[in-house]
PDB file of N, CA and C in Angstrom:
ATOM      1  N   MET A   1       0.837  -1.178   0.000  1.00  0.00           N
ATOM      2  CA  MET A   1       0.000   0.000   0.000  1.00  0.00           C
ATOM      3  C   MET A   1       0.887   1.248   0.000  1.00  0.00           C
ATOM      4  N   SER A   2       0.698   2.089  -1.004  1.00  0.00           N
ATOM      5  CA  SER A   2       1.503   3.307  -1.091  1.00  0.00           C
ATOM      6  C   SER A   2       0.710   4.488  -0.533  1.00  0.00           C
ATOM      7  N   THR A   3       1.387   5.293   0.264  1.00  0.00           N
ATOM      8  CA  THR A   3       0.718   6.467   0.807  1.00  0.00           C
ATOM      9  C   THR A   3       0.886   7.614  -0.181  1.00  0.00           C
ATOM     10  N   GLN A   4      -0.162   8.416  -0.339  1.00  0.00           N
ATOM     11  CA  GLN A   4      -0.120   9.516  -1.280  1.00  0.00           C
ATOM     12  C   GLN A   4       0.384  10.774  -0.590  1.00  0.00           C
ATOM     13  N   LYS A   5       1.225  11.509  -1.294  1.00  0.00           N
ATOM     14  CA  LYS A   5       1.755  12.757  -0.777  1.00  0.00           C
ATOM     15  C   LYS A   5       0.658  13.812  -0.760  1.00  0.00           C
ATOM     16  N   LYS A   6       0.648  14.641   0.280  1.00  0.00           N
ATOM     17  CA  LYS A   6      -0.340  15.722   0.344  1.00  0.00           C
ATOM     18  C   LYS A   6       0.009  16.771  -0.703  1.00  0.00           C
ATOM     19  N   ARG A   7      -1.004  17.341  -1.314  1.00  0.00           N
ATOM     20  CA  ARG A   7      -0.813  18.367  -2.326  1.00  0.00           C
ATOM     21  C   ARG A   7      -0.949  19.755  -1.703  1.00  0.00           C
ATOM     22  N   HIS A   8      -0.340  20.735  -2.341  1.00  0.00           N
ATOM     23  CA  HIS A   8      -0.402  22.115  -1.825  1.00  0.00           C
ATOM     24  C   HIS A   8      -1.690  22.809  -2.230  1.00  0.00           C
ATOM     25  N   VAL A   9      -2.499  22.156  -3.062  1.00  0.00           N
ATOM     26  CA  VAL A   9      -3.732  22.746  -3.580  1.00  0.00           C
ATOM     27  C   VAL A   9      -4.912  21.866  -3.197  1.00  0.00           C
ATOM     28  N   ARG A  10      -6.019  22.500  -2.823  1.00  0.00           N
ATOM     29  CA  ARG A  10      -7.249  21.776  -2.496  1.00  0.00           C
ATOM     30  C   ARG A  10      -8.398  22.345  -3.299  1.00  0.00           C
ATOM     31  N   THR A  11      -9.488  21.599  -3.390  1.00  0.00           N
ATOM     32  CA  THR A  11     -10.695  22.090  -4.037  1.00  0.00           C
ATOM     33  C   THR A  11     -11.196  23.313  -3.285  1.00  0.00           C
ATOM     34  N   GLY A  12     -11.540  24.356  -4.032  1.00  0.00           N
ATOM     35  CA  GLY A  12     -12.023  25.592  -3.422  1.00  0.00           C
ATOM     36  C   GLY A  12     -10.957  26.662  -3.266  1.00  0.00           C
ATOM     37  N   ASP A  13      -9.679  26.304  -3.398  1.00  0.00           N
ATOM     38  CA  ASP A  13      -8.603  27.293  -3.302  1.00  0.00           C
ATOM     39  C   ASP A  13      -8.623  28.216  -4.516  1.00  0.00           C
ATOM     40  N   THR A  14      -8.191  29.437  -4.326  1.00  0.00           N
ATOM     41  CA  THR A  14      -7.942  30.332  -5.451  1.00  0.00           C
ATOM     42  C   THR A  14      -6.471  30.195  -5.803  1.00  0.00           C
ATOM     43  N   VAL A  15      -6.191  29.922  -7.078  1.00  0.00           N
ATOM     44  CA  VAL A  15      -4.817  29.690  -7.503  1.00  0.00           C
ATOM     45  C   VAL A  15      -4.463  30.589  -8.675  1.00  0.00           C
ATOM     46  N   LYS A  16      -3.159  30.785  -8.874  1.00  0.00           N
ATOM     47  CA  LYS A  16      -2.643  31.550 -10.011  1.00  0.00           C
ATOM     48  C   LYS A  16      -1.771  30.612 -10.836  1.00  0.00           C
ATOM     49  N   VAL A  17      -1.982  30.621 -12.165  1.00  0.00           N
ATOM     50  CA  VAL A  17      -1.196  29.773 -13.060  1.00  0.00           C
ATOM     51  C   VAL A  17       0.143  30.460 -13.292  1.00  0.00           C
ATOM     52  N   ILE A  18       1.251  29.711 -13.083  1.00  0.00           N
ATOM     53  CA  ILE A  18       2.583  30.300 -13.198  1.00  0.00           C
ATOM     54  C   ILE A  18       3.347  29.810 -14.418  1.00  0.00           C
ATOM     55  N   ALA A  19       2.769  28.862 -15.179  1.00  0.00           N
ATOM     56  CA  ALA A  19       3.442  28.350 -16.374  1.00  0.00           C
ATOM     57  C   ALA A  19       2.417  27.824 -17.365  1.00  0.00           C
ATOM     58  N   GLY A  20       2.766  27.872 -18.647  1.00  0.00           N
ATOM     59  CA  GLY A  20       1.889  27.332 -19.683  1.00  0.00           C
ATOM     60  C   GLY A  20       1.123  28.410 -20.420  1.00  0.00           C
ATOM     61  N   ASN A  21       0.185  27.988 -21.274  1.00  0.00           N
ATOM     62  CA  ASN A  21      -0.569  28.924 -22.115  1.00  0.00           C
ATOM     63  C   ASN A  21      -1.431  29.876 -21.303  1.00  0.00           C
ATOM     64  N   SER A  22      -1.887  29.447 -20.141  1.00  0.00           N
ATOM     65  CA  SER A  22      -2.776  30.270 -19.312  1.00  0.00           C
ATOM     66  C   SER A  22      -2.015  31.017 -18.219  1.00  0.00           C
ATOM     67  N   LYS A  23      -0.724  31.232 -18.410  1.00  0.00           N
ATOM     68  CA  LYS A  23       0.114  31.877 -17.398  1.00  0.00           C
ATOM     69  C   LYS A  23      -0.452  33.236 -17.006  1.00  0.00           C
ATOM     70  N   GLY A  24      -0.536  33.482 -15.685  1.00  0.00           N
ATOM     71  CA  GLY A  24      -1.012  34.754 -15.170  1.00  0.00           C
ATOM     72  C   GLY A  24      -2.486  34.760 -14.801  1.00  0.00           C
ATOM     73  N   LYS A  25      -3.249  33.775 -15.266  1.00  0.00           N
ATOM     74  CA  LYS A  25      -4.679  33.743 -14.961  1.00  0.00           C
ATOM     75  C   LYS A  25      -4.907  33.207 -13.557  1.00  0.00           C
ATOM     76  N   GLU A  26      -5.981  33.687 -12.935  1.00  0.00           N
ATOM     77  CA  GLU A  26      -6.370  33.210 -11.611  1.00  0.00           C
ATOM     78  C   GLU A  26      -7.752  32.597 -11.677  1.00  0.00           C
ATOM     79  N   GLY A  27      -8.014  31.647 -10.798  1.00  0.00           N
ATOM     80  CA  GLY A  27      -9.330  31.032 -10.747  1.00  0.00           C
ATOM     81  C   GLY A  27      -9.455  30.125  -9.545  1.00  0.00           C
ATOM     82  N   LYS A  28     -10.665  29.608  -9.358  1.00  0.00           N
ATOM     83  CA  LYS A  28     -10.965  28.739  -8.227  1.00  0.00           C
ATOM     84  C   LYS A  28     -10.833  27.284  -8.667  1.00  0.00           C
ATOM     85  N   VAL A  29     -10.221  26.452  -7.834  1.00  0.00           N
ATOM     86  CA  VAL A  29     -10.046  25.035  -8.141  1.00  0.00           C
ATOM     87  C   VAL A  29     -11.390  24.329  -7.973  1.00  0.00           C
ATOM     88  N   THR A  30     -11.858  23.670  -9.056  1.00  0.00           N
ATOM     89  CA  THR A  30     -13.125  22.956  -8.995  1.00  0.00           C
ATOM     90  C   THR A  30     -12.933  21.465  -8.756  1.00  0.00           C
ATOM     91  N   GLU A  31     -11.774  20.939  -9.172  1.00  0.00           N
ATOM     92  CA  GLU A  31     -11.541  19.501  -9.006  1.00  0.00           C
ATOM     93  C   GLU A  31     -10.043  19.235  -8.942  1.00  0.00           C
ATOM     94  N   VAL A  32      -9.646  18.284  -8.090  1.00  0.00           N
ATOM     95  CA  VAL A  32      -8.257  17.844  -8.001  1.00  0.00           C
ATOM     96  C   VAL A  32      -8.220  16.374  -8.401  1.00  0.00           C
ATOM     97  N   ILE A  33      -7.413  16.054  -9.422  1.00  0.00           N
ATOM     98  CA  ILE A  33      -7.276  14.678  -9.892  1.00  0.00           C
ATOM     99  C   ILE A  33      -5.936  14.168  -9.372  1.00  0.00           C
ATOM    100  N   ILE A  34      -5.972  13.511  -8.214  1.00  0.00           N
ATOM    101  CA  ILE A  34      -4.757  13.119  -7.509  1.00  0.00           C
ATOM    102  C   ILE A  34      -3.948  12.095  -8.295  1.00  0.00           C
ATOM    103  N   ALA A  35      -4.618  11.148  -8.935  1.00  0.00           N
ATOM    104  CA  ALA A  35      -3.928  10.074  -9.650  1.00  0.00           C
ATOM    105  C   ALA A  35      -3.034  10.608 -10.769  1.00  0.00           C
ATOM    106  N   LYS A  36      -3.440  11.717 -11.379  1.00  0.00           N
ATOM    107  CA  LYS A  36      -2.680  12.278 -12.503  1.00  0.00           C
ATOM    108  C   LYS A  36      -1.933  13.558 -12.145  1.00  0.00           C
ATOM    109  N   ASP A  37      -1.991  13.991 -10.874  1.00  0.00           N
ATOM    110  CA  ASP A  37      -1.360  15.239 -10.428  1.00  0.00           C
ATOM    111  C   ASP A  37      -1.837  16.439 -11.232  1.00  0.00           C
ATOM    112  N   ARG A  38      -3.131  16.496 -11.509  1.00  0.00           N
ATOM    113  CA  ARG A  38      -3.690  17.584 -12.301  1.00  0.00           C
ATOM    114  C   ARG A  38      -4.899  18.179 -11.597  1.00  0.00           C
ATOM    115  N   ILE A  39      -5.227  19.431 -11.952  1.00  0.00           N
ATOM    116  CA  ILE A  39      -6.389  20.094 -11.369  1.00  0.00           C
ATOM    117  C   ILE A  39      -7.189  20.783 -12.472  1.00  0.00           C
ATOM    118  N   ILE A  40      -8.451  21.080 -12.169  1.00  0.00           N
ATOM    119  CA  ILE A  40      -9.299  21.851 -13.068  1.00  0.00           C
ATOM    120  C   ILE A  40      -9.601  23.173 -12.379  1.00  0.00           C
ATOM    121  N   VAL A  41      -9.317  24.278 -13.089  1.00  0.00           N
ATOM    122  CA  VAL A  41      -9.494  25.622 -12.543  1.00  0.00           C
ATOM    123  C   VAL A  41     -10.528  26.357 -13.389  1.00  0.00           C
ATOM    124  N   GLU A  42     -11.447  27.062 -12.720  1.00  0.00           N
ATOM    125  CA  GLU A  42     -12.504  27.824 -13.419  1.00  0.00           C
ATOM    126  C   GLU A  42     -11.908  28.837 -14.382  1.00  0.00           C
ATOM    127  N   GLY A  43     -12.324  28.776 -15.656  1.00  0.00           N
ATOM    128  CA  GLY A  43     -11.940  29.771 -16.642  1.00  0.00           C
ATOM    129  C   GLY A  43     -10.509  29.697 -17.134  1.00  0.00           C
ATOM    130  N   VAL A  44      -9.791  28.625 -16.810  1.00  0.00           N
ATOM    131  CA  VAL A  44      -8.394  28.488 -17.204  1.00  0.00           C
ATOM    132  C   VAL A  44      -8.233  27.279 -18.116  1.00  0.00           C
ATOM    133  N   ASN A  45      -7.391  27.408 -19.145  1.00  0.00           N
ATOM    134  CA  ASN A  45      -7.093  26.327 -20.095  1.00  0.00           C
ATOM    135  C   ASN A  45      -8.365  25.829 -20.778  1.00  0.00           C
ATOM    136  N   MET A  46      -9.092  26.763 -21.383  1.00  0.00           N
ATOM    137  CA  MET A  46     -10.353  26.423 -22.041  1.00  0.00           C
ATOM    138  C   MET A  46     -10.097  25.602 -23.307  1.00  0.00           C
ATOM    139  N   ILE A  47     -10.844  24.492 -23.448  1.00  0.00           N
ATOM    140  CA  ILE A  47     -10.719  23.627 -24.626  1.00  0.00           C
ATOM    141  C   ILE A  47     -12.081  23.503 -25.290  1.00  0.00           C
ATOM    142  N   LYS A  48     -12.078  23.228 -26.593  1.00  0.00           N
ATOM    143  CA  LYS A  48     -13.319  23.038 -27.335  1.00  0.00           C
ATOM    144  C   LYS A  48     -13.574  21.552 -27.481  1.00  0.00           C
ATOM    145  N   LYS A  49     -14.799  21.128 -27.156  1.00  0.00           N
ATOM    146  CA  LYS A  49     -15.182  19.721 -27.221  1.00  0.00           C
ATOM    147  C   LYS A  49     -16.320  19.590 -28.231  1.00  0.00           C
ATOM    148  N   HIS A  50     -16.131  18.754 -29.240  1.00  0.00           N
ATOM    149  CA  HIS A  50     -17.138  18.566 -30.279  1.00  0.00           C
ATOM    150  C   HIS A  50     -18.135  17.504 -29.835  1.00  0.00           C
ATOM    151  N   ILE A  51     -19.424  17.864 -29.816  1.00  0.00           N
ATOM    152  CA  ILE A  51     -20.488  16.962 -29.383  1.00  0.00           C
ATOM    153  C   ILE A  51     -21.230  16.461 -30.624  1.00  0.00           C
ATOM    154  N   LYS A  52     -21.381  15.139 -30.724  1.00  0.00           N
ATOM    155  CA  LYS A  52     -22.090  14.545 -31.860  1.00  0.00           C
ATOM    156  C   LYS A  52     -23.575  14.895 -31.832  1.00  0.00           C
ATOM    157  N   PRO A  53     -24.197  14.954 -32.997  1.00  0.00           N
ATOM    158  CA  PRO A  53     -25.649  15.158 -33.019  1.00  0.00           C
ATOM    159  C   PRO A  53     -26.380  13.993 -32.361  1.00  0.00           C
ATOM    160  N   ASN A  54     -27.468  14.300 -31.634  1.00  0.00           N
ATOM    161  CA  ASN A  54     -28.294  13.262 -31.024  1.00  0.00           C
ATOM    162  C   ASN A  54     -29.749  13.713 -31.051  1.00  0.00           C
ATOM    163  N   ALA A  55     -30.640  12.951 -30.442  1.00  0.00           N
ATOM    164  CA  ALA A  55     -32.075  13.257 -30.495  1.00  0.00           C
ATOM    165  C   ALA A  55     -32.395  14.615 -29.860  1.00  0.00           C
ATOM    166  N   GLN A  56     -31.768  14.919 -28.727  1.00  0.00           N
ATOM    167  CA  GLN A  56     -32.031  16.190 -28.057  1.00  0.00           C
ATOM    168  C   GLN A  56     -31.387  17.356 -28.806  1.00  0.00           C
ATOM    169  N   ASN A  57     -30.258  17.108 -29.425  1.00  0.00           N
ATOM    170  CA  ASN A  57     -29.512  18.156 -30.107  1.00  0.00           C
ATOM    171  C   ASN A  57     -29.157  17.670 -31.517  1.00  0.00           C
ATOM    172  N   PRO A  58     -30.095  17.762 -32.463  1.00  0.00           N
ATOM    173  CA  PRO A  58     -29.867  17.191 -33.793  1.00  0.00           C
ATOM    174  C   PRO A  58     -28.763  17.894 -34.586  1.00  0.00           C
ATOM    175  N   GLN A  59     -28.435  19.111 -34.219  1.00  0.00           N
ATOM    176  CA  GLN A  59     -27.412  19.863 -34.938  1.00  0.00           C
ATOM    177  C   GLN A  59     -25.997  19.495 -34.479  1.00  0.00           C
ATOM    178  N   GLY A  60     -25.870  19.014 -33.222  1.00  0.00           N
ATOM    179  CA  GLY A  60     -24.538  18.832 -32.648  1.00  0.00           C
ATOM    180  C   GLY A  60     -24.041  20.187 -32.179  1.00  0.00           C
ATOM    181  N   GLU A  61     -22.930  20.218 -31.491  1.00  0.00           N
ATOM    182  CA  GLU A  61     -22.422  21.514 -31.034  1.00  0.00           C
ATOM    183  C   GLU A  61     -20.960  21.425 -30.647  1.00  0.00           C
ATOM    184  N   ILE A  62     -20.376  22.575 -30.411  1.00  0.00           N
ATOM    185  CA  ILE A  62     -19.012  22.667 -29.900  1.00  0.00           C
ATOM    186  C   ILE A  62     -19.103  23.334 -28.538  1.00  0.00           C
ATOM    187  N   GLN A  63     -18.740  22.591 -27.485  1.00  0.00           N
ATOM    188  CA  GLN A  63     -18.780  23.130 -26.123  1.00  0.00           C
ATOM    189  C   GLN A  63     -17.385  23.556 -25.702  1.00  0.00           C
ATOM    190  N   GLU A  64     -17.325  24.631 -24.944  1.00  0.00           N
ATOM    191  CA  GLU A  64     -16.053  25.059 -24.371  1.00  0.00           C
ATOM    192  C   GLU A  64     -16.038  24.674 -22.895  1.00  0.00           C
ATOM    193  N   THR A  65     -15.041  23.904 -22.484  1.00  0.00           N
ATOM    194  CA  THR A  65     -14.925  23.486 -21.094  1.00  0.00           C
ATOM    195  C   THR A  65     -13.500  23.736 -20.607  1.00  0.00           C
ATOM    196  N   GLU A  66     -13.317  23.642 -19.293  1.00  0.00           N
ATOM    197  CA  GLU A  66     -11.986  23.810 -18.721  1.00  0.00           C
ATOM    198  C   GLU A  66     -11.195  22.517 -18.882  1.00  0.00           C
ATOM    199  N   GLY A  67      -9.972  22.637 -19.342  1.00  0.00           N
ATOM    200  CA  GLY A  67      -9.070  21.497 -19.400  1.00  0.00           C
ATOM    201  C   GLY A  67      -8.293  21.413 -18.094  1.00  0.00           C
ATOM    202  N   THR A  68      -7.490  20.367 -17.965  1.00  0.00           N
ATOM    203  CA  THR A  68      -6.718  20.204 -16.731  1.00  0.00           C
ATOM    204  C   THR A  68      -5.390  20.951 -16.831  1.00  0.00           C
ATOM    205  N   VAL A  69      -4.860  21.310 -15.683  1.00  0.00           N
ATOM    206  CA  VAL A  69      -3.562  21.972 -15.567  1.00  0.00           C
ATOM    207  C   VAL A  69      -2.743  21.141 -14.599  1.00  0.00           C
ATOM    208  N   HIS A  70      -1.452  20.952 -14.880  1.00  0.00           N
ATOM    209  CA  HIS A  70      -0.626  20.190 -13.945  1.00  0.00           C
ATOM    210  C   HIS A  70      -0.491  20.960 -12.642  1.00  0.00           C
ATOM    211  N   ILE A  71      -0.499  20.209 -11.545  1.00  0.00           N
ATOM    212  CA  ILE A  71      -0.528  20.817 -10.212  1.00  0.00           C
ATOM    213  C   ILE A  71       0.739  21.630  -9.918  1.00  0.00           C
ATOM    214  N   SER A  72       1.848  21.314 -10.610  1.00  0.00           N
ATOM    215  CA  SER A  72       3.093  22.057 -10.386  1.00  0.00           C
ATOM    216  C   SER A  72       3.088  23.411 -11.075  1.00  0.00           C
ATOM    217  N   ASN A  73       2.111  23.652 -11.955  1.00  0.00           N
ATOM    218  CA  ASN A  73       2.054  24.912 -12.696  1.00  0.00           C
ATOM    219  C   ASN A  73       1.164  25.959 -12.041  1.00  0.00           C
ATOM    220  N   VAL A  74       0.729  25.719 -10.803  1.00  0.00           N
ATOM    221  CA  VAL A  74      -0.107  26.693 -10.102  1.00  0.00           C
ATOM    222  C   VAL A  74       0.445  26.966  -8.709  1.00  0.00           C
ATOM    223  N   MET A  75       0.127  28.175  -8.205  1.00  0.00           N
ATOM    224  CA  MET A  75       0.472  28.549  -6.834  1.00  0.00           C
ATOM    225  C   MET A  75      -0.787  29.048  -6.148  1.00  0.00           C
ATOM    226  N   VAL A  76      -0.906  28.763  -4.874  1.00  0.00           N
ATOM    227  CA  VAL A  76      -2.051  29.208  -4.089  1.00  0.00           C
ATOM    228  C   VAL A  76      -1.954  30.719  -3.889  1.00  0.00           C
ATOM    229  N   VAL A  77      -3.097  31.407  -4.011  1.00  0.00           N
ATOM    230  CA  VAL A  77      -3.143  32.849  -3.770  1.00  0.00           C
ATOM    231  C   VAL A  77      -3.425  33.078  -2.288  1.00  0.00           C
ATOM    232  N   ASP A  78      -2.572  33.873  -1.644  1.00  0.00           N
ATOM    233  CA  ASP A  78      -2.725  34.183  -0.218  1.00  0.00           C
ATOM    234  C   ASP A  78      -3.958  35.067  -0.046  1.00  0.00           C
ATOM    235  N   PRO A  79      -4.948  34.627   0.759  1.00  0.00           N
ATOM    236  CA  PRO A  79      -6.169  35.420   0.919  1.00  0.00           C
ATOM    237  C   PRO A  79      -5.932  36.800   1.542  1.00  0.00           C
ATOM    238  N   SER A  80      -4.926  36.940   2.388  1.00  0.00           N
ATOM    239  CA  SER A  80      -4.704  38.227   3.057  1.00  0.00           C
ATOM    240  C   SER A  80      -4.068  39.264   2.133  1.00  0.00           C
ATOM    241  N   SER A  81      -3.103  38.841   1.302  1.00  0.00           N
ATOM    242  CA  SER A  81      -2.406  39.810   0.450  1.00  0.00           C
ATOM    243  C   SER A  81      -2.875  39.784  -0.999  1.00  0.00           C
ATOM    244  N   GLY A  82      -3.415  38.660  -1.455  1.00  0.00           N
ATOM    245  CA  GLY A  82      -3.867  38.553  -2.837  1.00  0.00           C
ATOM    246  C   GLY A  82      -2.763  38.171  -3.809  1.00  0.00           C
ATOM    247  N   ASP A  83      -1.581  37.836  -3.301  1.00  0.00           N
ATOM    248  CA  ASP A  83      -0.452  37.444  -4.146  1.00  0.00           C
ATOM    249  C   ASP A  83      -0.254  35.927  -4.094  1.00  0.00           C
ATOM    250  N   ALA A  84       0.343  35.376  -5.148  1.00  0.00           N
ATOM    251  CA  ALA A  84       0.661  33.951  -5.164  1.00  0.00           C
ATOM    252  C   ALA A  84       1.769  33.690  -4.157  1.00  0.00           C
ATOM    253  N   THR A  85       1.676  32.579  -3.458  1.00  0.00           N
ATOM    254  CA  THR A  85       2.645  32.272  -2.414  1.00  0.00           C
ATOM    255  C   THR A  85       2.910  30.775  -2.346  1.00  0.00           C
ATOM    256  N   ARG A  86       4.088  30.436  -1.840  1.00  0.00           N
ATOM    257  CA  ARG A  86       4.368  29.036  -1.543  1.00  0.00           C
ATOM    258  C   ARG A  86       3.680  28.702  -0.228  1.00  0.00           C
ATOM    259  N   THR A  87       3.424  27.419  -0.012  1.00  0.00           N
ATOM    260  CA  THR A  87       2.757  27.019   1.216  1.00  0.00           C
ATOM    261  C   THR A  87       3.604  26.024   1.982  1.00  0.00           C
ATOM    262  N   GLY A  88       3.379  25.978   3.284  1.00  0.00           N
ATOM    263  CA  GLY A  88       4.014  25.009   4.154  1.00  0.00           C
ATOM    264  C   GLY A  88       2.971  24.480   5.113  1.00  0.00           C
ATOM    265  N   ARG A  89       3.395  23.598   6.019  1.00  0.00           N
ATOM    266  CA  ARG A  89       2.479  23.068   7.023  1.00  0.00           C
ATOM    267  C   ARG A  89       3.108  23.209   8.396  1.00  0.00           C
ATOM    268  N   LYS A  90       2.305  23.680   9.341  1.00  0.00           N
ATOM    269  CA  LYS A  90       2.756  23.719  10.732  1.00  0.00           C
ATOM    270  C   LYS A  90       1.562  23.533  11.643  1.00  0.00           C
ATOM    271  N   VAL A  91       1.838  23.225  12.896  1.00  0.00           N
ATOM    272  CA  VAL A  91       0.790  22.939  13.863  1.00  0.00           C
ATOM    273  C   VAL A  91       0.185  24.248  14.341  1.00  0.00           C
ATOM    274  N   ASN A  92      -1.166  24.331  14.315  1.00  0.00           N
ATOM    275  CA  ASN A  92      -1.838  25.545  14.786  1.00  0.00           C
ATOM    276  C   ASN A  92      -2.097  25.450  16.290  1.00  0.00           C
ATOM    277  N   GLU A  93      -2.790  26.438  16.845  1.00  0.00           N
ATOM    278  CA  GLU A  93      -3.019  26.491  18.302  1.00  0.00           C
ATOM    279  C   GLU A  93      -3.887  25.341  18.814  1.00  0.00           C
ATOM    280  N   ASN A  94      -4.660  24.698  17.924  1.00  0.00           N
ATOM    281  CA  ASN A  94      -5.499  23.561  18.322  1.00  0.00           C
ATOM    282  C   ASN A  94      -4.764  22.231  18.223  1.00  0.00           C
ATOM    283  N   GLY A  95      -3.508  22.256  17.812  1.00  0.00           N
ATOM    284  CA  GLY A  95      -2.726  21.035  17.697  1.00  0.00           C
ATOM    285  C   GLY A  95      -2.914  20.309  16.371  1.00  0.00           C
ATOM    286  N   LYS A  96      -3.555  20.959  15.392  1.00  0.00           N
ATOM    287  CA  LYS A  96      -3.779  20.349  14.080  1.00  0.00           C
ATOM    288  C   LYS A  96      -2.766  20.888  13.077  1.00  0.00           C
ATOM    289  N   LEU A  97      -2.381  20.037  12.145  1.00  0.00           N
ATOM    290  CA  LEU A  97      -1.478  20.448  11.077  1.00  0.00           C
ATOM    291  C   LEU A  97      -2.284  21.246  10.057  1.00  0.00           C
ATOM    292  N   GLN A  98      -1.834  22.452   9.747  1.00  0.00           N
ATOM    293  CA  GLN A  98      -2.586  23.321   8.854  1.00  0.00           C
ATOM    294  C   GLN A  98      -1.633  24.014   7.883  1.00  0.00           C
ATOM    295  N   ARG A  99      -2.127  24.331   6.685  1.00  0.00           N
ATOM    296  CA  ARG A  99      -1.311  25.024   5.693  1.00  0.00           C
ATOM    297  C   ARG A  99      -1.136  26.492   6.084  1.00  0.00           C
ATOM    298  N   PHE A 100       0.045  27.045   5.741  1.00  0.00           N
ATOM    299  CA  PHE A 100       0.279  28.463   5.981  1.00  0.00           C
ATOM    300  C   PHE A 100       1.025  29.057   4.794  1.00  0.00           C
ATOM    301  N   SER A 101       0.879  30.373   4.642  1.00  0.00           N
ATOM    302  CA  SER A 101       1.540  31.105   3.567  1.00  0.00           C
ATOM    303  C   SER A 101       2.973  31.386   3.969  1.00  0.00           C
ATOM    304  N   LYS A 102       3.928  31.042   3.098  1.00  0.00           N
ATOM    305  CA  LYS A 102       5.321  31.280   3.434  1.00  0.00           C
ATOM    306  C   LYS A 102       5.691  32.749   3.337  1.00  0.00           C
ATOM    307  N   SER A 103       4.931  33.519   2.543  1.00  0.00           N
ATOM    308  CA  SER A 103       5.256  34.941   2.408  1.00  0.00           C
ATOM    309  C   SER A 103       4.772  35.761   3.600  1.00  0.00           C
ATOM    310  N   SER A 104       3.529  35.482   4.063  1.00  0.00           N
ATOM    311  CA  SER A 104       2.994  36.271   5.172  1.00  0.00           C
ATOM    312  C   SER A 104       3.070  35.543   6.509  1.00  0.00           C
ATOM    313  N   GLY A 105       3.201  34.226   6.472  1.00  0.00           N
ATOM    314  CA  GLY A 105       3.257  33.444   7.711  1.00  0.00           C
ATOM    315  C   GLY A 105       1.910  33.142   8.314  1.00  0.00           C
ATOM    316  N   LYS A 106       0.811  33.600   7.670  1.00  0.00           N
ATOM    317  CA  LYS A 106      -0.536  33.379   8.188  1.00  0.00           C
ATOM    318  C   LYS A 106      -1.092  32.054   7.696  1.00  0.00           C
ATOM    319  N   PHE A 107      -2.003  31.475   8.502  1.00  0.00           N
ATOM    320  CA  PHE A 107      -2.658  30.231   8.111  1.00  0.00           C
ATOM    321  C   PHE A 107      -3.633  30.459   6.959  1.00  0.00           C
ATOM    322  N   ILE A 108      -3.737  29.480   6.080  1.00  0.00           N
ATOM    323  CA  ILE A 108      -4.658  29.562   4.941  1.00  0.00           C
ATOM    324  C   ILE A 108      -5.917  28.792   5.264  1.00  0.00           C
TER     325      ILE A 108
END
């Protein structure tokens, strides 16, 4: 049984893309795909998906959806300052391990 490494990004986090075609864009994480080390971010890496014609939609269509981004290409945005920051983990006052911003030192 292999243990999975904790990721620096969680569903619901606001992240900034730091590499790739969508560099500089910010958005909210909607899904984390742990097996592939990828995430889906709102409004980032938009791809066109061709839908075949069917009974409900006899014309067919082209839908635009969010593609995945590798987890190493994003940084968490610090809620207090609004800037992208690296994250770490330390024990909070309740004795629980919690993520914190390395730039401001505050818990996320």
